[in-house]
Structures are given as C-alpha cells and as structure tokens.
Amino acid sequence: MHPEFETYLRAGNMDEEAIRRISDLAVQRTLRRNEILFSAGEVCRHKVFVASGFLYTFNISADGNQHILQFSPENSWTLDVESYDKQIPSEVSIAALEPSTILCWQKNDFEMLRAEIPQLKKFAEDLIARNTHYSRKRILLSLGATPEERYEDFVQTFPGYLSRLPLRMIAAYLGISIKTLTRIRHAQLQR
C-alpha cells in the first residue's frame, strides 16, 4: 500500500474500494537527486504521482538554456501530457530535484481505472481543469508581466518552494536571468 497517496485520495473524497484498486496498480519507484525520470525524445508512458520529494519538468533549448515548465512537489502529479496522450516523443524531460518516491501507472492501466471508477474520472477532470487554468494564468503573466510581477506571483503562489529551489531554477521557471532575479530579490530586501 501507499499511505501518502491513499491519504491524498481520501482528501479528494475517494472511497476505500476505489483507493485500493487505484493503489494496487501503482508501481513504486525511488529516484535519486538529479536522476532523470524520462528524457526528451522518449515517449511518456506513465502517469506519475509524487509521494515524496520534488520533481521538475524542463526543456533545454538549442542555445543550451534550461527552461523549467513545472515543479512537482510531493502530493502532485506529473507527466508530459502531449507525449502521454498521443504516444509521441516528448519535447521535455522530467528529473528529481531531490530524492523522491513516485508512483507510476501504465497508460492502459490508468485509462482502465478512469473508465471503471467514476470518482477517479471526475478527480482527473478536476485536476486537468485546475492545471489548464494555472497554465493560462502563467502564459498571460509571461507575456504581459514585468519580471518583478512574475517573481511576486511565484512567491505568492508557491511560498514553500523558495527554500527548496536554487535561484537558477526559479529564474529558469520565470524566464528571466539569474542576474535579474538577484536584482529583484535585493530590491525587495531594501524595502
């Protein structure tokens, strides 16, 4: 059994039989710090729940810069949606920022569970909707907000991340240089 995951599902009002069925098909895996879960060019074949630790989704551009699309701390899900849905090579990689324990479901198993457990289907739809809303907000911030506004939003949205992430990763997530991030943080300290 997977206590962290089961507690997470109970908080989402999932009944015990559904929790047992979902949990029984999960494969637990441990990742070391900086270990790659999967790399760009591979096909994403699993839904992944982070039971403990911290993962991140990133892309390396042609000029060698890292762009971070998403952080996935404990009690969150991660995957490359397009690669998973279409079973095509991914354009992103997912790695562990710190030692992590994850639960994985093969695509066929998860789709079968979604079809057979209405609670899971609703749960997944709600999660997709929240992620879509946040992604839209992030795109709008990226297009129209100043670096200071993007950083302030990051601090407000993810206050617990600041102590767990190196500045270079926060900068890569915000789409700003480390120099700009340092200047913003220094200006905040002066206030």
C-alpha atoms as a PDB file:
ATOM      1  CA  MET A   1       0.000   0.000   0.000  1.00  0.00           C
ATOM      2  CA  HIS A   2       0.993   3.642  -0.426  1.00  0.00           C
ATOM      3  CA  PRO A   3      -0.033   5.674   2.662  1.00  0.00           C
ATOM      4  CA  GLU A   4       0.826   9.146   1.291  1.00  0.00           C
ATOM      5  CA  PHE A   5      -1.139   8.526  -1.875  1.00  0.00           C
ATOM      6  CA  GLU A   6      -4.089   6.988  -0.065  1.00  0.00           C
ATOM      7  CA  THR A   7      -4.285   9.987   2.290  1.00  0.00           C
ATOM      8  CA  TYR A   8      -4.200  12.283  -0.757  1.00  0.00           C
ATOM      9  CA  LEU A   9      -7.108  10.409  -2.384  1.00  0.00           C
ATOM     10  CA  ARG A  10      -9.144  10.357   0.838  1.00  0.00           C
ATOM     11  CA  ALA A  11      -8.832  14.161   0.965  1.00  0.00           C
ATOM     12  CA  GLY A  12     -10.443  14.137  -2.505  1.00  0.00           C
ATOM     13  CA  ASN A  13     -13.409  12.137  -1.141  1.00  0.00           C
ATOM     14  CA  MET A  14     -12.430   8.887  -2.853  1.00  0.00           C
ATOM     15  CA  ASP A  15     -13.987   5.776  -1.262  1.00  0.00           C
ATOM     16  CA  GLU A  16     -11.836   2.991   0.191  1.00  0.00           C
ATOM     17  CA  GLU A  17     -12.565   0.434  -2.556  1.00  0.00           C
ATOM     18  CA  ALA A  18     -11.578   2.910  -5.278  1.00  0.00           C
ATOM     19  CA  ILE A  19      -8.419   3.848  -3.358  1.00  0.00           C
ATOM     20  CA  ARG A  20      -7.444   0.183  -3.021  1.00  0.00           C
ATOM     21  CA  ARG A  21      -7.991  -0.528  -6.736  1.00  0.00           C
ATOM     22  CA  ILE A  22      -6.027   2.536  -7.849  1.00  0.00           C
ATOM     23  CA  SER A  23      -3.236   1.906  -5.361  1.00  0.00           C
ATOM     24  CA  ASP A  24      -2.935  -1.790  -6.303  1.00  0.00           C
ATOM     25  CA  LEU A  25      -1.954  -0.924  -9.895  1.00  0.00           C
ATOM     26  CA  ALA A  26       0.683   1.626  -8.871  1.00  0.00           C
ATOM     27  CA  VAL A  27       4.347   0.755  -9.238  1.00  0.00           C
ATOM     28  CA  GLN A  28       6.548   2.487  -6.680  1.00  0.00           C
ATOM     29  CA  ARG A  29       9.901   3.836  -7.772  1.00  0.00           C
ATOM     30  CA  THR A  30      12.644   5.733  -5.961  1.00  0.00           C
ATOM     31  CA  LEU A  31      14.656   8.443  -7.706  1.00  0.00           C
ATOM     32  CA  ARG A  32      17.987   9.825  -6.577  1.00  0.00           C
ATOM     33  CA  ARG A  33      18.697  13.547  -6.566  1.00  0.00           C
ATOM     34  CA  ASN A  34      19.148  14.726 -10.197  1.00  0.00           C
ATOM     35  CA  GLU A  35      18.016  11.364 -11.607  1.00  0.00           C
ATOM     36  CA  ILE A  36      16.096  11.658 -14.868  1.00  0.00           C
ATOM     37  CA  LEU A  37      12.646  10.046 -14.847  1.00  0.00           C
ATOM     38  CA  PHE A  38      12.465  10.328 -18.616  1.00  0.00           C
ATOM     39  CA  SER A  39      14.229  12.390 -21.268  1.00  0.00           C
ATOM     40  CA  ALA A  40      13.173  14.479 -24.224  1.00  0.00           C
ATOM     41  CA  GLY A  41      12.827  12.163 -27.221  1.00  0.00           C
ATOM     42  CA  GLU A  42      11.301   9.334 -25.184  1.00  0.00           C
ATOM     43  CA  VAL A  43       7.577   8.590 -25.064  1.00  0.00           C
ATOM     44  CA  CYS A  44       5.822   9.321 -21.762  1.00  0.00           C
ATOM     45  CA  ARG A  45       4.146   6.030 -20.879  1.00  0.00           C
ATOM     46  CA  HIS A  46       3.125   6.646 -17.251  1.00  0.00           C
ATOM     47  CA  LYS A  47       1.011   8.871 -15.050  1.00  0.00           C
ATOM     48  CA  VAL A  48       3.220   9.793 -12.114  1.00  0.00           C
ATOM     49  CA  PHE A  49       2.267  10.795  -8.574  1.00  0.00           C
ATOM     50  CA  VAL A  50       4.995  12.286  -6.377  1.00  0.00           C
ATOM     51  CA  ALA A  51       4.602  10.644  -2.965  1.00  0.00           C
ATOM     52  CA  SER A  52       7.677  12.369  -1.533  1.00  0.00           C
ATOM     53  CA  GLY A  53      10.408  14.586  -2.902  1.00  0.00           C
ATOM     54  CA  PHE A  54      10.366  17.133  -5.694  1.00  0.00           C
ATOM     55  CA  LEU A  55      10.432  16.713  -9.492  1.00  0.00           C
ATOM     56  CA  TYR A  56      10.615  19.267 -12.264  1.00  0.00           C
ATOM     57  CA  THR A  57       9.771  19.314 -15.962  1.00  0.00           C
ATOM     58  CA  PHE A  58      12.191  21.099 -18.252  1.00  0.00           C
ATOM     59  CA  ASN A  59      13.415  21.640 -21.788  1.00  0.00           C
ATOM     60  CA  ILE A  60      16.896  22.506 -22.992  1.00  0.00           C
ATOM     61  CA  SER A  61      16.777  24.996 -25.864  1.00  0.00           C
ATOM     62  CA  ALA A  62      19.095  24.888 -28.885  1.00  0.00           C
ATOM     63  CA  ASP A  63      21.297  27.527 -27.238  1.00  0.00           C
ATOM     64  CA  GLY A  64      21.743  25.301 -24.161  1.00  0.00           C
ATOM     65  CA  ASN A  65      19.460  27.214 -21.795  1.00  0.00           C
ATOM     66  CA  GLN A  66      17.228  25.282 -19.439  1.00  0.00           C
ATOM     67  CA  HIS A  67      13.550  26.290 -19.364  1.00  0.00           C
ATOM     68  CA  ILE A  68      11.509  24.912 -16.479  1.00  0.00           C
ATOM     69  CA  LEU A  69       7.846  24.347 -17.259  1.00  0.00           C
ATOM     70  CA  GLN A  70       6.628  22.852 -13.997  1.00  0.00           C
ATOM     71  CA  PHE A  71       7.616  21.915 -10.471  1.00  0.00           C
ATOM     72  CA  SER A  72       6.033  18.830  -8.913  1.00  0.00           C
ATOM     73  CA  PRO A  73       6.473  18.515  -5.143  1.00  0.00           C
ATOM     74  CA  GLU A  74       5.001  15.758  -3.002  1.00  0.00           C
ATOM     75  CA  ASN A  75       1.275  15.168  -3.420  1.00  0.00           C
ATOM     76  CA  SER A  76       1.218  16.281  -7.040  1.00  0.00           C
ATOM     77  CA  TRP A  77       1.096  14.625 -10.447  1.00  0.00           C
ATOM     78  CA  THR A  78       3.476  14.963 -13.357  1.00  0.00           C
ATOM     79  CA  LEU A  79       3.831  13.741 -16.935  1.00  0.00           C
ATOM     80  CA  ASP A  80       4.214  15.154 -20.425  1.00  0.00           C
ATOM     81  CA  VAL A  81       0.544  15.370 -21.376  1.00  0.00           C
ATOM     82  CA  GLU A  82       1.048  15.555 -25.145  1.00  0.00           C
ATOM     83  CA  SER A  83       3.530  12.682 -25.265  1.00  0.00           C
ATOM     84  CA  TYR A  84       1.326  10.577 -22.969  1.00  0.00           C
ATOM     85  CA  ASP A  85      -1.936  11.271 -24.819  1.00  0.00           C
ATOM     86  CA  LYS A  86      -0.567  10.901 -28.357  1.00  0.00           C
ATOM     87  CA  GLN A  87       2.235   8.422 -27.537  1.00  0.00           C
ATOM     88  CA  ILE A  88       4.772  10.579 -29.390  1.00  0.00           C
ATOM     89  CA  PRO A  89       8.330  11.537 -28.399  1.00  0.00           C
ATOM     90  CA  SER A  90       8.426  14.131 -25.656  1.00  0.00           C
ATOM     91  CA  GLU A  91       9.938  17.577 -26.045  1.00  0.00           C
ATOM     92  CA  VAL A  92      10.642  17.775 -22.300  1.00  0.00           C
ATOM     93  CA  SER A  93      12.470  15.862 -19.620  1.00  0.00           C
ATOM     94  CA  ILE A  94      11.425  15.195 -16.027  1.00  0.00           C
ATOM     95  CA  ALA A  95      14.006  14.850 -13.256  1.00  0.00           C
ATOM     96  CA  ALA A  96      14.196  14.650  -9.468  1.00  0.00           C
ATOM     97  CA  LEU A  97      15.397  17.807  -7.757  1.00  0.00           C
ATOM     98  CA  GLU A  98      15.756  15.888  -4.503  1.00  0.00           C
ATOM     99  CA  PRO A  99      15.481  12.199  -3.538  1.00  0.00           C
ATOM    100  CA  SER A 100      11.915  11.228  -4.415  1.00  0.00           C
ATOM    101  CA  THR A 101       9.452   8.375  -4.196  1.00  0.00           C
ATOM    102  CA  ILE A 102       6.962   8.217  -7.040  1.00  0.00           C
ATOM    103  CA  LEU A 103       4.034   6.024  -8.012  1.00  0.00           C
ATOM    104  CA  CYS A 104       3.588   5.157 -11.685  1.00  0.00           C
ATOM    105  CA  TRP A 105       0.639   3.792 -13.650  1.00  0.00           C
ATOM    106  CA  GLN A 106       0.969   2.467 -17.174  1.00  0.00           C
ATOM    107  CA  LYS A 107      -1.306   4.301 -19.617  1.00  0.00           C
ATOM    108  CA  ASN A 108      -3.563   1.282 -20.244  1.00  0.00           C
ATOM    109  CA  ASP A 109      -3.965   0.606 -16.516  1.00  0.00           C
ATOM    110  CA  PHE A 110      -4.791   4.224 -15.688  1.00  0.00           C
ATOM    111  CA  GLU A 111      -7.258   4.545 -18.563  1.00  0.00           C
ATOM    112  CA  MET A 112      -8.973   1.333 -17.424  1.00  0.00           C
ATOM    113  CA  LEU A 113      -9.204   2.711 -13.868  1.00  0.00           C
ATOM    114  CA  ARG A 114     -10.658   6.002 -15.137  1.00  0.00           C
ATOM    115  CA  ALA A 115     -13.283   4.117 -17.135  1.00  0.00           C
ATOM    116  CA  GLU A 116     -14.236   1.856 -14.229  1.00  0.00           C
ATOM    117  CA  ILE A 117     -14.097   4.318 -11.322  1.00  0.00           C
ATOM    118  CA  PRO A 118     -16.332   7.363 -11.862  1.00  0.00           C
ATOM    119  CA  GLN A 119     -14.763   9.097  -8.831  1.00  0.00           C
ATOM    120  CA  LEU A 120     -11.321   8.870 -10.439  1.00  0.00           C
ATOM    121  CA  LYS A 121     -12.639  10.168 -13.750  1.00  0.00           C
ATOM    122  CA  LYS A 122     -14.142  13.217 -12.003  1.00  0.00           C
ATOM    123  CA  PHE A 123     -11.000  13.662  -9.899  1.00  0.00           C
ATOM    124  CA  ALA A 124      -8.810  13.600 -13.033  1.00  0.00           C
ATOM    125  CA  GLU A 125     -11.084  16.038 -14.875  1.00  0.00           C
ATOM    126  CA  ASP A 126     -10.952  18.494 -11.947  1.00  0.00           C
ATOM    127  CA  LEU A 127      -7.163  18.213 -11.819  1.00  0.00           C
ATOM    128  CA  ILE A 128      -6.875  18.820 -15.575  1.00  0.00           C
ATOM    129  CA  ALA A 129      -9.140  21.871 -15.293  1.00  0.00           C
ATOM    130  CA  ARG A 130      -7.030  23.345 -12.451  1.00  0.00           C
ATOM    131  CA  ASN A 131      -3.833  22.751 -14.418  1.00  0.00           C
ATOM    132  CA  THR A 132      -5.347  24.339 -17.524  1.00  0.00           C
ATOM    133  CA  HIS A 133      -6.417  27.417 -15.547  1.00  0.00           C
ATOM    134  CA  TYR A 134      -2.987  27.767 -13.949  1.00  0.00           C
ATOM    135  CA  SER A 135      -1.218  27.305 -17.316  1.00  0.00           C
ATOM    136  CA  ARG A 136      -3.335  30.057 -18.855  1.00  0.00           C
ATOM    137  CA  LYS A 137      -2.527  32.380 -15.955  1.00  0.00           C
ATOM    138  CA  ARG A 138       1.170  31.584 -16.311  1.00  0.00           C
ATOM    139  CA  ILE A 139       1.130  32.284 -20.069  1.00  0.00           C
ATOM    140  CA  LEU A 140      -0.572  35.627 -19.517  1.00  0.00           C
ATOM    141  CA  LEU A 141       1.971  36.538 -16.826  1.00  0.00           C
ATOM    142  CA  SER A 142       4.847  35.529 -19.100  1.00  0.00           C
ATOM    143  CA  LEU A 143       3.506  37.665 -21.927  1.00  0.00           C
ATOM    144  CA  GLY A 144       2.472  40.775 -20.038  1.00  0.00           C
ATOM    145  CA  ALA A 145       4.002  40.984 -16.581  1.00  0.00           C
ATOM    146  CA  THR A 146       7.301  42.506 -15.579  1.00  0.00           C
ATOM    147  CA  PRO A 147       9.968  40.226 -14.080  1.00  0.00           C
ATOM    148  CA  GLU A 148       9.136  41.742 -10.681  1.00  0.00           C
ATOM    149  CA  GLU A 149       5.450  40.872 -11.103  1.00  0.00           C
ATOM    150  CA  ARG A 150       6.284  37.324 -12.219  1.00  0.00           C
ATOM    151  CA  TYR A 151       8.532  36.821  -9.193  1.00  0.00           C
ATOM    152  CA  GLU A 152       5.907  38.248  -6.820  1.00  0.00           C
ATOM    153  CA  ASP A 153       3.287  35.897  -8.282  1.00  0.00           C
ATOM    154  CA  PHE A 154       5.690  32.956  -7.867  1.00  0.00           C
ATOM    155  CA  VAL A 155       6.300  33.868  -4.211  1.00  0.00           C
ATOM    156  CA  GLN A 156       2.546  34.207  -3.562  1.00  0.00           C
ATOM    157  CA  THR A 157       1.599  31.025  -5.437  1.00  0.00           C
ATOM    158  CA  PHE A 158       4.437  28.780  -4.219  1.00  0.00           C
ATOM    159  CA  PRO A 159       5.773  30.154  -0.909  1.00  0.00           C
ATOM    160  CA  GLY A 160       7.158  26.771   0.154  1.00  0.00           C
ATOM    161  CA  TYR A 161       9.296  26.426  -2.975  1.00  0.00           C
ATOM    162  CA  LEU A 162      11.696  29.263  -2.180  1.00  0.00           C
ATOM    163  CA  SER A 163      13.598  27.303   0.457  1.00  0.00           C
ATOM    164  CA  ARG A 164      13.788  24.184  -1.728  1.00  0.00           C
ATOM    165  CA  LEU A 165      14.887  25.634  -5.062  1.00  0.00           C
ATOM    166  CA  PRO A 166      18.179  27.120  -6.178  1.00  0.00           C
ATOM    167  CA  LEU A 167      17.829  30.634  -7.615  1.00  0.00           C
ATOM    168  CA  ARG A 168      18.923  29.454 -11.068  1.00  0.00           C
ATOM    169  CA  MET A 169      15.884  27.153 -11.223  1.00  0.00           C
ATOM    170  CA  ILE A 170      13.474  29.881 -10.109  1.00  0.00           C
ATOM    171  CA  ALA A 171      14.956  32.150 -12.787  1.00  0.00           C
ATOM    172  CA  ALA A 172      14.594  29.376 -15.399  1.00  0.00           C
ATOM    173  CA  TYR A 173      10.948  28.922 -14.388  1.00  0.00           C
ATOM    174  CA  LEU A 174      10.238  32.660 -14.575  1.00  0.00           C
ATOM    175  CA  GLY A 175      12.053  33.076 -17.876  1.00  0.00           C
ATOM    176  CA  ILE A 176      14.489  35.661 -16.515  1.00  0.00           C
ATOM    177  CA  SER A 177      18.233  35.743 -15.981  1.00  0.00           C
ATOM    178  CA  ILE A 178      19.773  34.918 -12.627  1.00  0.00           C
ATOM    179  CA  LYS A 179      21.159  38.475 -12.616  1.00  0.00           C
ATOM    180  CA  THR A 180      17.640  39.929 -12.944  1.00  0.00           C
ATOM    181  CA  LEU A 181      16.312  37.634 -10.216  1.00  0.00           C
ATOM    182  CA  THR A 182      19.148  38.629  -7.886  1.00  0.00           C
ATOM    183  CA  ARG A 183      18.432  42.321  -8.549  1.00  0.00           C
ATOM    184  CA  ILE A 184      14.707  41.822  -7.803  1.00  0.00           C
ATOM    185  CA  ARG A 185      15.409  39.974  -4.559  1.00  0.00           C
ATOM    186  CA  HIS A 186      17.975  42.578  -3.494  1.00  0.00           C
ATOM    187  CA  ALA A 187      15.484  45.413  -4.182  1.00  0.00           C
ATOM    188  CA  GLN A 188      12.868  43.611  -2.041  1.00  0.00           C
ATOM    189  CA  LEU A 189      15.308  43.332   0.851  1.00  0.00           C
ATOM    190  CA  GLN A 190      15.987  47.065   0.658  1.00  0.00           C
ATOM    191  CA  ARG A 191      12.294  47.877   1.228  1.00  0.00           C
END
